[in-house]
């Protein structure tokens, strides 16, 4: 794009459309495991996790202990449930709750068709927030919610999930969830009419998740950790996902260098969209 003698070039795909973020910082954020380690070394609280490769490709270039057979050995004695996600996926793709060793083996096989490594973390049940950082300050924040369905008394959970509206290219929703009192509901189960089922998996908007408690800025304890995380990676713009674990304090789930801003459209906050792109153009035009 041009403004008289000034020109700006924006990336897409594997790049970042945000000129506020250089390629190095964006690449660190894109690798979920590497980003978590960078944050840990910077003193930022993060979730524990282990990385395993799901393919033998390039194994001679790696130190031992993280190959597929090591992952399966770990899974045999792990404390379930686990939360697993590819280290380089986006939009919640293949981010899944895994309940047992057999399910873990199946998961490894499924993701190996498209990805080369997985981050394995403990399952955490805590409020999840997105804090959007711009120029070292929290611009806005909101609580993220996992997708839900309400039973009609006639349809199985699988049928209810299949009927949910989906965005083009959105990752498939897993027909597995929990009722209001925490009872596990499977794909073939027939929940009682009116029962609200919260689906397991990511809370991403693209995966059917929702947002509430939208506000300018963020709660001070969330803003502090989000600002510190963005600065540690070197990002001028970031969407920082955080678990608020109560007495255990907040912990960063991941840092996004290319966060979607469709939630702003949902809330009619075109003023914030304008602020983001004004800052982006200011950084891009030379």
Protein backbone atom coordinates (compact mmCIF):
# COMPACT_ATOMS: atom_id res chain seq x y z
CA UNK A 1 0.00 0.00 0.00
CA UNK A 2 1.20 3.54 -0.73
CA UNK A 3 0.69 6.96 0.80
CA UNK A 4 2.43 9.36 -1.53
CA UNK A 5 6.15 8.55 -1.41
CA UNK A 6 5.69 6.15 1.52
CA UNK A 7 5.01 2.44 0.98
CA UNK A 8 4.02 -0.45 3.24
CA UNK A 9 4.19 -4.18 2.56
CA UNK A 10 2.06 -6.58 4.61
CA UNK A 11 2.56 -10.33 4.86
CA UNK A 12 -0.01 -13.10 4.98
CA UNK A 13 -0.07 -16.85 5.38
CA UNK A 14 3.04 -17.87 7.31
CA UNK A 15 3.90 -14.19 7.77
CA UNK A 16 2.16 -11.60 9.91
CA UNK A 17 -0.08 -8.76 8.70
CA UNK A 18 1.03 -6.71 11.69
CA UNK A 19 4.07 -4.56 10.97
CA UNK A 20 4.33 -3.97 14.73
CA UNK A 21 5.76 -7.52 14.99
CA UNK A 22 9.02 -8.47 13.33
CA UNK A 23 9.53 -11.91 11.80
CA UNK A 24 11.75 -13.16 14.63
CA UNK A 25 9.24 -12.39 17.39
CA UNK A 26 6.33 -13.71 15.33
CA UNK A 27 8.22 -16.96 14.69
CA UNK A 28 8.88 -17.46 18.40
CA UNK A 29 5.20 -16.94 19.20
CA UNK A 30 4.14 -19.33 16.43
CA UNK A 31 6.00 -22.24 18.06
CA UNK A 32 3.91 -22.85 21.18
CA UNK A 33 6.54 -24.95 22.96
CA UNK A 34 9.46 -22.65 22.16
CA UNK A 35 7.39 -19.61 23.14
CA UNK A 36 6.51 -21.20 26.49
CA UNK A 37 10.19 -21.88 27.19
CA UNK A 38 11.14 -18.31 26.26
CA UNK A 39 8.48 -17.00 28.64
CA UNK A 40 9.58 -19.37 31.40
CA UNK A 41 13.17 -18.15 31.10
CA UNK A 42 11.88 -14.57 31.31
CA UNK A 43 10.11 -15.37 34.59
CA UNK A 44 6.59 -15.39 33.16
CA UNK A 45 4.29 -18.06 34.70
CA UNK A 46 3.30 -20.61 32.04
CA UNK A 47 1.64 -24.01 32.04
CA UNK A 48 4.00 -26.98 32.34
CA UNK A 49 4.29 -29.16 29.27
CA UNK A 50 6.35 -31.66 27.31
CA UNK A 51 7.12 -31.71 23.61
CA UNK A 52 7.15 -34.93 21.59
CA UNK A 53 7.73 -35.46 17.89
CA UNK A 54 5.05 -37.47 16.12
CA UNK A 55 7.14 -38.44 13.11
CA UNK A 56 10.60 -39.97 12.71
CA UNK A 57 11.53 -37.43 10.06
CA UNK A 58 14.80 -35.60 10.91
CA UNK A 59 15.22 -37.64 14.10
CA UNK A 60 19.01 -37.82 13.54
CA UNK A 61 19.12 -34.05 14.02
CA UNK A 62 17.52 -34.25 17.48
CA UNK A 63 18.65 -35.33 20.91
CA UNK A 64 16.94 -38.54 22.13
CA UNK A 65 13.96 -38.80 24.46
CA UNK A 66 11.21 -37.06 22.49
CA UNK A 67 10.40 -39.50 19.68
CA UNK A 68 6.98 -41.13 19.09
CA UNK A 69 7.90 -44.19 21.18
CA UNK A 70 8.91 -41.87 24.04
CA UNK A 71 5.55 -40.13 23.79
CA UNK A 72 3.69 -43.44 23.99
CA UNK A 73 5.80 -44.53 26.97
CA UNK A 74 4.97 -41.24 28.70
CA UNK A 75 1.28 -41.69 27.90
CA UNK A 76 1.22 -45.14 29.48
CA UNK A 77 1.74 -43.69 32.96
CA UNK A 78 0.51 -40.10 32.56
CA UNK A 79 -2.12 -38.50 34.79
CA UNK A 80 -5.24 -37.98 32.68
CA UNK A 81 -6.91 -36.02 31.29
CA UNK A 82 -4.24 -34.27 29.22
CA UNK A 83 -4.55 -31.31 26.90
CA UNK A 84 -2.64 -31.72 23.64
CA UNK A 85 -2.04 -29.40 20.70
CA UNK A 86 0.40 -29.22 17.78
CA UNK A 87 3.16 -26.74 18.43
CA UNK A 88 2.47 -24.81 15.23
CA UNK A 89 -1.31 -25.05 14.65
CA UNK A 90 -3.72 -22.11 14.86
CA UNK A 91 -7.44 -21.49 15.43
CA UNK A 92 -7.63 -24.36 17.91
CA UNK A 93 -6.95 -27.00 15.26
CA UNK A 94 -6.24 -30.38 16.91
CA UNK A 95 -6.32 -28.80 20.39
CA UNK A 96 -7.98 -31.64 22.27
CA UNK A 97 -8.60 -33.11 25.71
CA UNK A 98 -7.20 -36.65 25.82
CA UNK A 99 -8.66 -39.10 28.35
CA UNK A 100 -6.47 -42.23 28.14
CA UNK A 101 -3.36 -43.81 26.61
CA UNK A 102 -5.31 -45.38 23.71
CA UNK A 103 -6.83 -42.01 22.84
CA UNK A 104 -3.36 -40.46 23.01
CA UNK A 105 -1.99 -43.04 20.54
CA UNK A 106 -4.88 -42.31 18.18
CA UNK A 107 -4.29 -38.58 18.53
CA UNK A 108 -0.59 -38.98 17.69
CA UNK A 109 -1.45 -40.88 14.54
CA UNK A 110 -4.07 -38.36 13.43
CA UNK A 111 -1.95 -35.25 13.79
CA UNK A 112 1.17 -36.84 12.25
CA UNK A 113 -0.48 -36.43 8.84
CA UNK A 114 -0.19 -32.66 9.08
CA UNK A 115 2.13 -31.79 11.98
CA UNK A 116 5.52 -32.89 13.28
CA UNK A 117 5.39 -32.19 17.03
CA UNK A 118 2.87 -31.92 19.86
CA UNK A 119 2.80 -30.05 23.16
CA UNK A 120 1.36 -32.16 25.99
CA UNK A 121 0.05 -30.28 29.03
CA UNK A 122 -2.07 -31.04 32.10
CA UNK A 123 -5.77 -30.33 31.74
CA UNK A 124 -6.66 -27.08 33.52
CA UNK A 125 -10.17 -26.06 34.50
CA UNK A 126 -10.06 -22.32 35.15
CA UNK A 127 -11.47 -19.11 33.62
CA UNK A 128 -9.64 -18.26 30.39
CA UNK A 129 -9.04 -14.70 29.20
CA UNK A 130 -7.68 -13.00 26.10
CA UNK A 131 -5.76 -9.77 26.70
CA UNK A 132 -4.95 -7.78 23.57
CA UNK A 133 -1.70 -5.86 24.01
CA UNK A 134 -0.85 -2.92 21.75
CA UNK A 135 2.28 -0.86 22.20
CA UNK A 136 2.96 -2.25 25.65
CA UNK A 137 -0.54 -1.56 27.01
CA UNK A 138 -3.67 -3.69 27.37
CA UNK A 139 -6.07 -2.35 24.73
CA UNK A 140 -8.99 -4.65 25.60
CA UNK A 141 -9.76 -8.02 27.15
CA UNK A 142 -12.53 -10.56 27.49
CA UNK A 143 -13.29 -13.95 28.96
CA UNK A 144 -13.24 -16.86 26.52
CA UNK A 145 -15.85 -19.61 26.67
CA UNK A 146 -15.84 -23.07 25.18
CA UNK A 147 -18.64 -23.85 22.70
CA UNK A 148 -21.91 -25.08 24.18
CA UNK A 149 -25.06 -26.84 23.03
CA UNK A 150 -28.49 -27.04 24.67
CA UNK A 151 -30.19 -30.41 24.50
CA UNK A 152 -33.61 -30.77 22.90
CA UNK A 153 -34.34 -34.17 24.50
CA UNK A 154 -34.41 -35.91 21.09
CA UNK A 155 -30.90 -35.52 19.65
CA UNK A 156 -27.65 -37.18 20.66
CA UNK A 157 -24.71 -34.97 21.51
CA UNK A 158 -23.14 -35.83 18.15
CA UNK A 159 -26.29 -34.60 16.36
CA UNK A 160 -26.40 -31.42 18.44
CA UNK A 161 -22.77 -30.66 17.64
CA UNK A 162 -23.24 -31.39 13.94
CA UNK A 163 -26.09 -28.84 13.83
CA UNK A 164 -23.99 -25.98 15.21
CA UNK A 165 -23.21 -23.20 12.69
CA UNK A 166 -19.57 -23.31 11.60
CA UNK A 167 -17.23 -20.86 9.93
CA UNK A 168 -15.57 -21.96 6.69
CA UNK A 169 -12.37 -23.81 7.47
CA UNK A 170 -13.08 -23.99 11.20
CA UNK A 171 -11.70 -27.06 13.00
CA UNK A 172 -14.28 -29.79 13.66
CA UNK A 173 -15.88 -29.85 17.08
CA UNK A 174 -15.44 -33.00 19.13
CA UNK A 175 -18.84 -34.40 20.29
CA UNK A 176 -17.74 -34.75 23.89
CA UNK A 177 -18.50 -32.46 26.79
CA UNK A 178 -19.67 -32.06 30.35
CA UNK A 179 -23.06 -31.18 31.81
CA UNK A 180 -23.84 -28.51 34.37
CA UNK A 181 -22.64 -30.71 37.23
CA UNK A 182 -19.50 -31.95 35.49
CA UNK A 183 -20.84 -35.31 34.26
CA UNK A 184 -19.13 -36.52 31.09
CA UNK A 185 -21.39 -36.63 28.02
CA UNK A 186 -20.33 -38.73 25.03
CA UNK A 187 -21.23 -38.55 21.35
CA UNK A 188 -24.04 -41.14 21.55
CA UNK A 189 -25.52 -39.90 24.81
CA UNK A 190 -29.00 -38.34 24.81
CA UNK A 191 -28.94 -35.40 27.24
CA UNK A 192 -32.14 -34.30 28.95
CA UNK A 193 -34.11 -31.49 27.35
CA UNK A 194 -32.76 -28.07 28.30
CA UNK A 195 -29.44 -29.43 29.60
CA UNK A 196 -26.48 -27.21 28.68
CA UNK A 197 -23.43 -29.17 27.55
CA UNK A 198 -20.02 -27.47 27.44
CA UNK A 199 -17.87 -29.08 24.77
CA UNK A 200 -14.29 -30.05 25.49
CA UNK A 201 -11.53 -28.45 23.47
CA UNK A 202 -10.33 -24.94 22.68
CA UNK A 203 -12.29 -21.79 23.46
CA UNK A 204 -11.27 -20.09 20.20
CA UNK A 205 -13.96 -18.10 18.40
CA UNK A 206 -13.09 -19.98 15.19
CA UNK A 207 -13.77 -23.24 17.04
CA UNK A 208 -17.23 -22.12 18.12
CA UNK A 209 -16.24 -20.48 21.40
CA UNK A 210 -17.75 -17.32 22.78
CA UNK A 211 -16.72 -14.18 24.64
CA UNK A 212 -18.08 -12.35 27.67
CA UNK A 213 -16.99 -9.66 30.12
CA UNK A 214 -15.58 -7.59 27.26
CA UNK A 215 -13.88 -4.44 28.54
CA UNK A 216 -11.36 -1.77 27.65
CA UNK A 217 -8.00 -2.57 29.21
CA UNK A 218 -7.83 -5.55 31.56
CA UNK A 219 -7.88 -6.49 35.20
CA UNK A 220 -4.54 -5.34 36.68
CA UNK A 221 -3.20 -8.84 37.42
CA UNK A 222 -4.07 -9.99 33.90
CA UNK A 223 -2.70 -6.85 32.28
CA UNK A 224 0.62 -7.19 34.08
CA UNK A 225 1.29 -10.75 32.95
CA UNK A 226 0.07 -10.01 29.40
CA UNK A 227 2.32 -6.98 29.03
CA UNK A 228 5.28 -8.88 30.43
CA UNK A 229 4.68 -11.81 28.08
CA UNK A 230 4.41 -9.61 24.98
CA UNK A 231 7.58 -7.73 25.94
CA UNK A 232 9.49 -10.98 26.62
CA UNK A 233 8.78 -12.19 23.08
CA UNK A 234 9.33 -8.73 21.58
CA UNK A 235 5.83 -8.23 20.20
CA UNK A 236 4.35 -4.78 19.69
CA UNK A 237 0.92 -6.35 19.22
CA UNK A 238 -0.22 -9.62 20.79
CA UNK A 239 -3.22 -11.60 21.90
CA UNK A 240 -2.20 -13.21 25.19
CA UNK A 241 -4.33 -16.11 26.41
CA UNK A 242 -4.28 -16.56 30.18
CA UNK A 243 -5.74 -18.96 32.73
CA UNK A 244 -6.77 -17.14 35.93
CA UNK A 245 -6.13 -19.92 38.45
CA UNK A 246 -7.29 -18.12 41.58
CA UNK A 247 -4.89 -18.60 44.49
CA UNK A 248 -2.32 -20.17 42.12
CA UNK A 249 -2.23 -16.93 40.13
CA UNK A 250 -2.51 -16.37 36.37
CA UNK A 251 -0.54 -18.42 33.85
CA UNK A 252 0.00 -17.75 30.17
CA UNK A 253 -1.46 -20.40 27.87
CA UNK A 254 0.03 -19.00 24.68
CA UNK A 255 0.92 -15.75 22.95
CA UNK A 256 -0.52 -14.97 19.52
CA UNK A 257 1.41 -12.70 17.15
CA UNK A 258 -1.42 -12.68 14.60
CA UNK A 259 -4.58 -12.51 16.75
CA UNK A 260 -7.98 -12.31 15.14
CA UNK A 261 -10.01 -9.19 15.92
CA UNK A 262 -13.41 -10.49 14.82
CA UNK A 263 -14.58 -10.30 18.45
CA UNK A 264 -14.34 -6.52 18.13
CA UNK A 265 -16.75 -6.69 15.21
CA UNK A 266 -19.12 -8.81 17.31
CA UNK A 267 -19.12 -6.10 19.99
CA UNK A 268 -19.32 -3.17 17.57
CA UNK A 269 -15.97 -1.77 18.69
CA UNK A 270 -14.89 -0.25 15.41
CA UNK A 271 -13.03 2.43 17.37
CA UNK A 272 -10.61 -0.21 18.64
CA UNK A 273 -10.25 -1.77 15.18
CA UNK A 274 -9.35 1.68 13.88
CA UNK A 275 -6.84 2.20 16.69
CA UNK A 276 -5.15 -1.12 15.86
CA UNK A 277 -4.84 -0.40 12.16
CA UNK A 278 -3.73 3.20 12.69
CA UNK A 279 -0.89 1.85 14.84
CA UNK A 280 -0.14 -0.82 12.27
CA UNK A 281 0.03 1.66 9.40
CA UNK A 282 2.21 3.96 11.46
CA UNK A 283 4.66 1.09 11.94
CA UNK A 284 4.48 -0.09 8.32
CA UNK A 285 4.64 3.11 6.27
CA UNK A 286 8.20 4.19 5.57
